[in-house]
Protein backbone atom coordinates (compact mmCIF):
# COMPACT_ATOMS: atom_id res chain seq x y z
CA MET A 1 64.93 55.24 0.33
CA ASN A 2 61.43 53.86 0.93
CA GLN A 3 60.67 53.94 -2.78
CA LYS A 4 63.87 52.03 -3.46
CA ASN A 5 62.90 49.33 -0.95
CA GLU A 6 59.40 49.11 -2.41
CA ARG A 7 60.83 48.66 -5.90
CA LYS A 8 63.16 45.95 -4.59
CA ILE A 9 60.28 44.09 -2.88
CA LEU A 10 58.13 44.41 -6.00
CA LYS A 11 60.98 43.09 -8.14
CA ASN A 12 61.41 40.06 -5.85
CA GLN A 13 57.67 39.38 -5.97
CA ASN A 14 57.70 39.44 -9.77
CA SER A 15 60.74 37.17 -10.08
CA ILE A 16 60.22 33.79 -11.74
CA PRO A 17 61.25 31.70 -8.68
CA ASN A 18 58.81 33.65 -6.48
CA GLN A 19 55.99 33.24 -8.99
CA ILE A 20 56.64 29.49 -9.14
CA TRP A 21 56.64 29.37 -5.33
CA MET A 22 53.37 31.29 -5.10
CA PHE A 23 51.83 29.04 -7.77
CA PHE A 24 52.52 25.95 -5.68
CA ALA A 25 51.52 27.76 -2.46
CA SER A 26 48.01 28.31 -3.82
CA VAL A 27 45.14 26.57 -2.05
CA ARG A 28 43.22 26.88 -5.32
CA LEU A 29 45.81 24.60 -6.95
CA THR A 30 45.15 22.03 -4.20
CA VAL A 31 41.41 22.10 -4.86
CA TYR A 32 41.80 21.83 -8.64
CA THR A 33 44.31 18.98 -8.37
CA LEU A 34 42.10 17.02 -5.96
CA VAL A 35 39.05 17.49 -8.21
CA ILE A 36 41.00 16.30 -11.28
CA LEU A 37 42.33 13.29 -9.36
CA ALA A 38 38.81 12.43 -8.18
CA VAL A 39 37.37 12.66 -11.71
CA THR A 40 40.20 10.64 -13.28
CA SER A 41 39.91 8.01 -10.53
CA ILE A 42 36.24 7.58 -11.43
CA ILE A 43 37.26 7.12 -15.08
CA GLY A 44 39.86 4.56 -14.02
CA THR A 45 37.17 2.67 -12.13
CA VAL A 46 34.64 2.71 -14.99
CA VAL A 47 37.07 1.96 -17.85
CA LEU A 48 38.49 -1.56 -18.00
CA GLN A 49 42.12 -1.63 -16.83
CA ASN A 50 44.91 -3.83 -18.28
CA GLY A 51 42.61 -5.49 -20.78
CA SER A 52 43.51 -6.88 -24.20
CA PRO A 53 43.21 -4.69 -27.34
CA GLN A 54 40.34 -6.84 -28.61
CA GLN A 55 38.40 -6.31 -25.36
CA TYR A 56 38.66 -2.54 -25.72
CA VAL A 57 37.65 -2.60 -29.39
CA ASN A 58 34.61 -4.78 -28.58
CA LEU A 59 33.57 -2.59 -25.63
CA TYR A 60 34.29 0.93 -26.90
CA GLY A 61 35.07 0.76 -30.62
CA GLN A 62 38.31 1.42 -32.49
CA GLY A 63 38.14 5.24 -32.24
CA VAL A 64 37.70 5.32 -28.48
CA TYR A 65 40.38 2.63 -28.10
CA ASN A 66 42.86 4.83 -29.99
CA LEU A 67 42.12 7.67 -27.53
CA ILE A 68 42.51 5.26 -24.60
CA GLN A 69 45.92 4.23 -25.92
CA VAL A 70 47.10 7.82 -26.37
CA LEU A 71 46.07 8.83 -22.84
CA LYS A 72 47.11 5.48 -21.30
CA ILE A 73 43.66 5.12 -19.72
CA ASP A 74 43.96 1.32 -20.01
CA ASP A 75 46.63 1.53 -17.29
CA MET A 76 45.68 4.91 -15.91
CA TYR A 77 47.23 4.66 -12.46
CA HIS A 78 50.65 4.20 -14.10
CA ALA A 79 50.12 6.85 -16.81
CA TRP A 80 52.71 9.64 -16.85
CA TRP A 81 50.08 12.39 -16.52
CA TYR A 82 48.44 10.71 -13.50
CA LEU A 83 51.81 10.36 -11.77
CA LEU A 84 52.49 14.00 -12.63
CA LEU A 85 49.24 14.99 -10.89
CA LEU A 86 50.32 13.10 -7.76
CA LEU A 87 53.73 14.79 -7.87
CA THR A 88 52.07 18.21 -8.27
CA LEU A 89 49.87 17.55 -5.25
CA CYS A 90 52.94 16.50 -3.20
CA ILE A 91 54.82 19.68 -4.07
CA ASN A 92 51.71 21.78 -3.45
CA ILE A 93 51.18 20.33 0.04
CA VAL A 94 54.87 20.79 0.96
CA VAL A 95 54.97 24.42 -0.23
CA CYS A 96 51.64 25.29 1.44
CA SER A 97 52.85 23.75 4.71
CA ILE A 98 56.15 25.65 4.63
CA GLU A 99 54.37 28.89 3.71
CA ARG A 100 52.05 28.70 6.73
CA LEU A 101 54.33 26.92 9.20
CA THR A 102 56.29 30.08 10.09
CA LYS A 103 53.26 31.83 11.53
CA THR A 104 52.06 28.69 13.27
CA TRP A 105 55.52 28.12 14.77
CA LYS A 106 55.50 31.59 16.33
CA ILE A 107 52.12 30.85 17.90
CA ILE A 108 53.26 27.51 19.28
CA PHE A 109 56.64 28.72 20.56
CA PRO A 110 56.31 32.42 21.40
CA GLU A 111 59.22 34.30 22.96
CA LYS A 112 56.92 35.25 25.83
CA ILE A 113 53.42 34.04 26.65
CA THR A 114 51.02 36.98 27.01
CA PHE A 115 47.27 37.16 27.56
CA ASN A 116 44.50 39.75 27.71
CA PRO A 117 42.29 39.36 30.81
CA LYS A 118 39.56 41.52 29.25
CA ARG A 119 39.18 38.99 26.44
CA PHE A 120 38.33 36.33 29.02
CA SER A 121 36.18 38.55 31.24
CA VAL A 122 33.67 39.08 28.40
CA ALA A 123 33.59 35.42 27.24
CA LYS A 124 30.21 33.69 26.97
CA ASN A 125 31.25 30.78 29.17
CA LYS A 126 32.30 33.08 32.05
CA LEU A 127 31.10 31.95 35.50
CA SER A 128 31.21 34.03 38.71
CA PHE A 129 30.78 33.33 42.41
CA ASP A 130 31.73 34.74 45.85
CA ALA A 131 34.26 33.00 48.09
CA GLU A 132 34.44 33.39 51.87
CA LYS A 133 38.23 33.76 51.94
CA ASP A 134 40.84 36.46 51.74
CA LEU A 135 42.21 37.07 48.28
CA PRO A 136 45.93 36.28 48.94
CA ALA A 137 45.22 32.88 50.50
CA LEU A 138 42.64 32.05 47.82
CA ALA A 139 45.01 33.07 45.01
CA ASP A 140 47.71 30.68 46.22
CA THR A 141 45.21 27.81 46.52
CA TYR A 142 43.66 28.46 43.11
CA LYS A 143 47.09 28.72 41.49
CA GLU A 144 47.96 25.23 42.73
CA VAL A 145 44.64 23.79 41.50
CA LEU A 146 44.94 25.48 38.10
CA SER A 147 48.51 24.24 37.73
CA LYS A 148 47.39 20.64 38.25
CA LYS A 149 44.28 20.88 36.05
CA VAL A 150 45.72 22.84 33.13
CA GLY A 151 49.44 23.68 33.27
CA PRO A 152 51.99 26.28 34.39
CA VAL A 153 50.26 29.38 35.79
CA ILE A 154 51.01 33.03 35.06
CA LYS A 155 49.99 35.37 37.87
CA GLU A 156 49.37 39.09 37.28
CA GLU A 157 48.39 41.77 39.76
CA THR A 158 45.54 44.11 38.81
CA GLU A 159 44.11 47.25 40.39
CA ASN A 160 41.35 45.27 42.07
CA GLY A 161 43.00 41.92 42.69
CA VAL A 162 44.78 39.09 40.85
CA VAL A 163 44.43 37.25 37.54
CA LEU A 164 45.64 33.67 37.05
CA TYR A 165 46.24 32.31 33.56
CA ALA A 166 47.18 28.81 32.37
CA GLU A 167 47.10 27.01 29.04
CA LYS A 168 47.94 23.72 27.38
CA GLY A 169 47.95 22.19 23.92
CA ARG A 170 49.60 24.91 21.85
CA TRP A 171 51.42 22.11 20.02
CA THR A 172 48.11 20.68 18.75
CA ARG A 173 48.22 23.21 15.91
CA LEU A 174 50.87 20.94 14.42
CA GLY A 175 48.20 18.25 13.93
CA VAL A 176 47.25 19.58 10.52
CA TYR A 177 50.89 19.41 9.43
CA VAL A 178 51.04 15.79 10.57
CA VAL A 179 48.02 15.13 8.31
CA HIS A 180 49.84 16.93 5.46
CA ALA A 181 52.91 14.74 6.06
CA SER A 182 50.72 11.62 6.01
CA VAL A 183 49.20 12.60 2.66
CA ILE A 184 52.68 13.21 1.26
CA LEU A 185 53.83 9.78 2.46
CA LEU A 186 50.77 8.16 0.87
CA LEU A 187 51.41 9.91 -2.44
CA VAL A 188 55.15 9.17 -2.35
CA GLY A 189 54.38 5.52 -1.60
CA ALA A 190 51.98 5.39 -4.56
CA LEU A 191 54.57 7.00 -6.84
CA ILE A 192 57.35 4.64 -5.74
CA GLY A 193 55.07 1.63 -6.16
CA ALA A 194 53.99 2.75 -9.63
CA LEU A 195 57.54 3.49 -10.83
CA PHE A 196 59.53 0.68 -9.24
CA GLY A 197 56.97 -2.01 -8.39
CA PHE A 198 55.44 -4.68 -10.59
CA LYS A 199 52.54 -7.12 -10.81
CA ALA A 200 53.37 -10.32 -12.62
CA SER A 201 52.17 -13.88 -13.07
CA LEU A 202 53.83 -17.28 -13.11
CA ARG A 203 52.62 -20.75 -13.96
CA LEU A 204 54.44 -23.71 -12.42
CA ASP A 205 53.78 -27.42 -12.88
CA GLU A 206 54.39 -29.69 -9.91
CA GLY A 207 58.14 -30.23 -9.56
CA GLN A 208 58.96 -27.27 -11.79
CA SER A 209 60.96 -24.18 -10.75
CA ALA A 210 61.49 -20.73 -12.28
CA ASP A 211 63.25 -17.47 -11.43
CA THR A 212 61.51 -15.34 -14.08
CA VAL A 213 57.97 -14.00 -13.96
CA PHE A 214 56.02 -12.13 -16.62
CA ASP A 215 54.46 -8.70 -16.27
CA SER A 216 50.67 -9.00 -16.17
CA LYS A 217 50.20 -6.23 -18.73
CA THR A 218 53.24 -6.16 -21.04
CA ARG A 219 54.18 -9.87 -20.65
CA MET A 220 57.80 -8.74 -20.38
CA PRO A 221 60.04 -11.06 -18.33
CA ILE A 222 61.11 -9.93 -14.85
CA LYS A 223 64.06 -11.63 -13.18
CA LEU A 224 63.62 -12.47 -9.48
CA PRO A 225 66.48 -12.56 -6.94
CA PHE A 226 65.51 -16.18 -6.22
CA ALA A 227 63.83 -19.15 -7.85
CA ILE A 228 60.40 -20.54 -6.93
CA GLN A 229 59.80 -24.29 -7.00
CA CYS A 230 56.37 -25.90 -6.80
CA ASN A 231 56.79 -29.09 -4.82
CA GLU A 232 53.15 -30.09 -4.70
CA PHE A 233 49.72 -28.73 -5.53
CA GLU A 234 46.60 -29.92 -3.75
CA VAL A 235 42.98 -29.02 -4.45
CA ARG A 236 39.86 -30.02 -2.51
CA PHE A 237 36.36 -29.88 -4.01
CA TYR A 238 32.85 -29.49 -2.64
CA ASP A 239 30.26 -32.15 -3.43
CA THR A 240 29.02 -29.90 -6.23
CA GLY A 241 32.42 -30.06 -7.92
CA ALA A 242 33.35 -26.46 -7.13
CA PRO A 243 36.86 -25.98 -5.67
CA GLU A 244 36.82 -25.62 -1.87
CA GLU A 245 40.50 -24.86 -1.29
CA PHE A 246 43.72 -25.08 -3.25
CA ARG A 247 47.20 -25.07 -1.76
CA SER A 248 50.69 -24.85 -3.20
CA SER A 249 53.83 -26.06 -1.44
CA LEU A 250 56.60 -23.71 -2.58
CA THR A 251 60.34 -23.77 -1.98
CA ILE A 252 62.52 -20.67 -2.32
CA ILE A 253 65.88 -21.46 -3.92
CA GLU A 254 68.79 -19.02 -3.65
CA LYS A 255 72.16 -19.59 -5.34
CA GLY A 256 71.21 -23.18 -6.01
CA GLN A 257 70.39 -23.90 -2.36
CA GLU A 258 66.95 -24.40 -0.81
CA SER A 259 66.25 -21.57 1.65
CA PHE A 260 62.86 -22.57 3.03
CA THR A 261 59.54 -24.19 2.13
CA GLN A 262 56.10 -22.70 2.79
CA ASP A 263 52.51 -23.52 1.86
CA ILE A 264 50.43 -20.74 0.34
CA ARG A 265 46.66 -20.52 0.02
CA VAL A 266 44.25 -17.87 -1.19
CA ASN A 267 44.71 -14.77 1.03
CA HIS A 268 47.73 -16.42 2.71
CA PRO A 269 50.69 -15.38 0.52
CA LEU A 270 54.41 -15.96 0.87
CA ARG A 271 56.40 -12.76 1.45
CA TYR A 272 60.15 -12.65 0.98
CA LEU A 273 62.67 -9.88 0.16
CA GLY A 274 59.83 -7.43 -0.48
CA ILE A 275 58.19 -9.75 -3.01
CA ASN A 276 54.70 -11.19 -2.44
CA ILE A 277 53.64 -14.53 -3.94
CA PHE A 278 49.87 -15.10 -4.03
CA GLN A 279 47.87 -18.18 -4.94
CA SER A 280 45.67 -17.00 -7.80
CA SER A 281 44.63 -19.96 -9.96
CA TYR A 282 45.31 -23.55 -10.91
CA GLY A 283 44.69 -26.02 -13.68
CA THR A 284 45.47 -29.50 -14.98
CA ALA A 285 49.07 -29.80 -16.11
CA SER A 286 49.94 -31.38 -19.42
CA PRO A 287 50.80 -35.10 -18.96
CA ASN A 288 53.92 -36.33 -20.72
CA GLU A 289 52.34 -39.71 -21.45
CA ALA A 290 49.00 -41.50 -21.31
CA VAL A 291 47.51 -44.95 -21.92
CA PHE A 292 45.45 -45.04 -25.14
CA GLN A 293 43.03 -47.77 -26.26
CA ILE A 294 42.46 -47.77 -30.02
CA THR A 295 39.70 -49.96 -31.48
CA ASP A 296 38.90 -50.76 -35.11
CA ASN A 297 35.08 -50.63 -35.24
CA ILE A 298 35.01 -52.88 -38.34
CA THR A 299 37.30 -55.73 -37.35
CA GLN A 300 36.97 -55.11 -33.56
CA ASP A 301 40.77 -55.33 -33.31
CA SER A 302 42.04 -53.35 -30.35
CA LEU A 303 45.35 -52.30 -28.85
CA THR A 304 46.23 -50.60 -25.58
CA GLN A 305 49.56 -48.83 -25.32
CA THR A 306 51.33 -46.13 -23.30
CA ILE A 307 52.25 -43.29 -25.65
CA GLN A 308 54.41 -40.26 -24.96
CA VAL A 309 53.78 -36.77 -26.32
CA GLY A 310 55.02 -36.63 -29.92
CA GLN A 311 55.22 -40.42 -30.29
CA THR A 312 53.59 -42.19 -33.27
CA ILE A 313 52.32 -45.78 -33.24
CA ALA A 314 50.66 -48.04 -35.82
CA LEU A 315 46.88 -48.43 -35.85
CA PRO A 316 45.37 -51.92 -35.32
CA GLY A 317 45.92 -54.11 -38.38
CA ASP A 318 48.66 -51.72 -39.52
CA GLN A 319 46.06 -49.61 -41.27
CA GLY A 320 47.75 -46.30 -40.61
CA SER A 321 49.25 -44.43 -37.67
CA PHE A 322 48.23 -42.52 -34.54
CA LYS A 323 50.26 -39.68 -33.02
CA PHE A 324 49.83 -38.25 -29.48
CA GLU A 325 50.11 -34.51 -30.17
CA GLY A 326 49.56 -33.01 -26.72
CA PHE A 327 47.21 -31.86 -24.01
CA LEU A 328 45.12 -28.67 -23.69
CA PRO A 329 44.03 -27.61 -20.16
CA ASN A 330 40.87 -25.90 -21.47
CA PHE A 331 39.10 -27.30 -24.50
CA ASP A 332 36.15 -25.44 -25.99
CA PHE A 333 33.65 -27.42 -28.03
CA ARG A 334 30.84 -25.49 -29.71
CA GLY A 335 30.97 -22.75 -27.10
CA HIS A 336 31.24 -25.12 -24.11
CA ASN A 337 34.34 -25.56 -21.99
CA LEU A 338 34.92 -29.29 -21.53
CA GLY A 339 38.04 -28.88 -19.37
CA GLY A 340 41.29 -30.69 -20.11
CA ALA A 341 41.56 -32.70 -23.30
CA PHE A 342 44.12 -34.91 -25.09
CA PHE A 343 44.75 -34.39 -28.78
CA GLY A 344 45.86 -36.99 -31.29
CA ARG A 345 46.16 -37.32 -35.05
CA ILE A 346 44.91 -40.33 -37.00
CA THR A 347 46.48 -40.97 -40.41
CA PRO A 348 44.67 -43.85 -42.21
CA LYS A 349 46.38 -45.52 -45.16
CA ASP A 350 45.83 -43.68 -48.44
CA LYS A 351 43.73 -41.01 -46.68
CA GLU A 352 44.26 -37.53 -45.24
CA SER A 353 45.11 -37.25 -41.56
CA PHE A 354 42.72 -35.58 -39.12
CA GLN A 355 42.90 -34.46 -35.50
CA ILE A 356 40.72 -35.79 -32.69
CA ALA A 357 40.02 -34.42 -29.20
CA LEU A 358 39.63 -36.63 -26.13
CA PRO A 359 38.21 -34.69 -23.15
CA VAL A 360 39.20 -36.14 -19.78
CA LYS A 361 35.68 -35.74 -18.36
CA PHE A 362 34.06 -37.54 -21.31
CA PRO A 363 35.99 -40.79 -22.04
CA THR A 364 33.59 -41.92 -24.83
CA PHE A 365 33.67 -38.51 -26.57
CA ASP A 366 35.39 -39.92 -29.70
CA LYS A 367 32.53 -42.35 -30.35
CA MET A 368 30.38 -39.43 -31.53
CA ARG A 369 32.68 -39.10 -34.53
CA LYS A 370 31.54 -42.54 -35.78
CA GLY A 371 34.77 -43.22 -37.63
CA GLN A 372 36.51 -46.49 -38.32
CA PHE A 373 38.80 -46.09 -35.34
CA ASN A 374 37.67 -45.20 -31.85
CA VAL A 375 40.23 -43.82 -29.34
CA VAL A 376 39.87 -43.72 -25.54
CA VAL A 377 42.33 -42.51 -22.88
CA THR A 378 42.16 -45.19 -20.21
CA ASP A 379 44.79 -43.92 -17.80
CA PHE A 380 47.26 -41.09 -17.19
CA GLN A 381 49.17 -39.54 -14.31
CA GLU A 382 47.04 -36.56 -13.33
CA SER A 383 48.94 -33.52 -12.13
CA TYR A 384 48.21 -29.84 -11.68
CA TYR A 385 49.90 -26.54 -12.31
CA THR A 386 49.64 -23.63 -9.90
CA GLY A 387 48.97 -20.09 -11.06
CA LEU A 388 50.86 -17.52 -8.96
CA GLN A 389 50.57 -13.76 -8.82
CA VAL A 390 53.92 -12.20 -7.94
CA THR A 391 53.99 -8.56 -6.86
CA ARG A 392 56.52 -6.09 -5.55
CA ASP A 393 55.58 -2.71 -4.06
CA PRO A 394 58.59 -0.92 -2.52
CA GLY A 395 56.34 2.00 -1.58
CA ILE A 396 54.07 -0.02 0.71
CA TRP A 397 55.94 0.95 3.91
CA TYR A 398 55.53 4.62 3.02
CA VAL A 399 51.81 3.95 2.63
CA TYR A 400 51.62 2.18 6.00
CA ALA A 401 53.53 5.03 7.68
CA GLY A 402 51.21 7.51 5.97
CA PHE A 403 48.11 5.79 7.35
CA MET A 404 49.59 5.73 10.85
CA LEU A 405 50.48 9.42 10.68
CA MET A 406 47.04 10.25 9.30
CA ILE A 407 45.36 8.55 12.26
CA ILE A 408 47.61 10.40 14.71
CA GLY A 409 47.20 13.72 12.89
CA CYS A 410 43.41 13.44 12.68
CA TRP A 411 43.22 12.53 16.38
CA VAL A 412 45.29 15.56 17.34
CA THR A 413 43.45 17.86 14.92
CA PHE A 414 39.89 16.90 15.81
CA PHE A 415 40.04 15.64 19.39
CA ILE A 416 42.77 17.67 21.12
CA SER A 417 42.68 21.46 21.31
CA HIS A 418 44.69 24.43 22.53
CA GLN A 419 42.96 25.38 25.78
CA SER A 420 43.51 28.45 27.95
CA VAL A 421 41.84 29.20 31.29
CA CYS A 422 41.75 32.49 33.15
CA ILE A 423 40.66 33.02 36.78
CA GLY A 424 40.02 36.52 38.11
CA LEU A 425 39.96 37.28 41.85
CA GLU A 426 38.66 40.68 42.93
CA ARG A 427 38.34 42.11 46.44
CA SER A 428 34.74 42.40 47.57
CA GLY A 429 33.37 45.44 49.48
CA ASN A 430 34.19 49.12 49.30
CA ASP A 431 37.25 48.97 51.55
CA GLY A 432 38.42 45.61 50.24
CA ASN A 433 38.67 44.16 53.76
CA SER A 434 35.37 42.30 54.03
CA GLY A 435 37.06 38.86 53.92
CA ARG A 436 35.08 37.99 50.77
CA THR A 437 36.46 37.58 47.25
CA ARG A 438 34.64 37.86 43.95
CA VAL A 439 35.81 35.09 41.59
CA TRP A 440 35.21 34.72 37.89
CA ILE A 441 36.48 31.97 35.56
CA SER A 442 36.36 31.52 31.79
CA GLY A 443 38.26 29.74 29.07
CA LYS A 444 39.02 29.62 25.37
CA ALA A 445 39.68 26.76 22.96
CA ASN A 446 40.54 26.78 19.28
CA ARG A 447 38.05 23.92 18.73
CA ASN A 448 35.35 22.06 20.67
CA THR A 449 34.04 25.15 22.47
CA HIS A 450 31.21 23.11 23.98
CA GLY A 451 33.73 20.83 25.67
CA MET A 452 35.56 23.89 26.98
CA THR A 453 32.31 25.21 28.51
CA LEU A 454 31.79 21.90 30.35
CA LYS A 455 35.38 22.01 31.58
CA ILE A 456 34.88 25.53 32.98
CA LYS A 457 31.75 24.39 34.83
CA LYS A 458 33.61 21.45 36.40
CA LEU A 459 36.54 23.64 37.38
CA ALA A 460 34.17 26.23 38.89
CA THR A 461 32.57 23.49 41.00
CA VAL A 462 36.00 22.44 42.31
CA LEU A 463 36.94 26.03 43.13
CA LYS A 464 33.64 26.66 44.92
CA ASP A 465 34.20 23.64 47.16
CA ILE A 466 37.58 25.05 48.16
């Protein structure tokens, strides 16, 4: 019969479900997974994330870039294998906790609390003294004190006297499981954010609205449950010309109706329906029209006219045409960024057309060309666009809850302990009727033994005074 039971137990141990369970219950798996996550996180910090293909080729070469693409290291924290590592760690922590919780539960909630007085009588922090009182009266007094200082008291009669035992904090062994739960919440929050969240960008000119943003990495469109309208953009500059502060006035529009308006600044985002809208950048918006002054350097004929984008007008003396082609927010000239610039196309009679650039910061820029016609932008309605970063992270509340639980769990684990105190009262003298009682006191704690020693000394002082 015993052999049959042993074979049955062995068969259960060798079953596939049990082997899978034991695999995830391994502490070694926890260590390996944490080490791999730490190493890969370092790689994710060193290697450029969410860059352009050309950036990777310039930095690492084509061969390394191909490897980066295969392993998704350019967006590592969203790579399938990294998410799989997080999921493995979650399962590992859950299984380990369940595997060890049964034993811990029996310790925390025993059917009957028992103790061994001999274990306390030989403790290093044991203190002894003589009391000038009869044992029965002293036992009742000490029981009341111990009940107030520690907790419910168990009283046991011995051959020589009485032993009093009290404890508190058995539940603190659950602190480590609270920490485990916090780690699981953090990992689950990260997984949810990676799978169902997004980080996108949006550019809005003043007065413009949009309900679609574009993923920062893939540039795929993402539809929002509302539209964002930029009412006004304001920027203030230092005396040096550097931007001091920029502010966007945004209105949220739902079902064609304005819901509310709020100003956003750097580090002061708008949050609505789980979506965060951050102020990230700005620039000069493209004007629809501008006032151009065109001068013929030979005849000195000149004309000044308001021209719209795409419009063509005749040059002075009807010697050709000029077309306003558009505006570029950032114009590079020989490796230097000159800021916003207008672009036009001059088509002289019987000659090929050519394009000219007119930087806003340098009104006389076209004179350097030394052509027959000189063009200057004399006036335009300056406006800005606001650059917004739009994010959604549905796992953020799991992360917040995880941090809160981790603080609570660490506090319980490291600063609160299971403490037990034992007081022994023994009759003094050969006949036991001398009116004196020999008292000893000691205690145990599952952590912070030095603190327990100090507590025993304080309690001994109180008992001596009694």
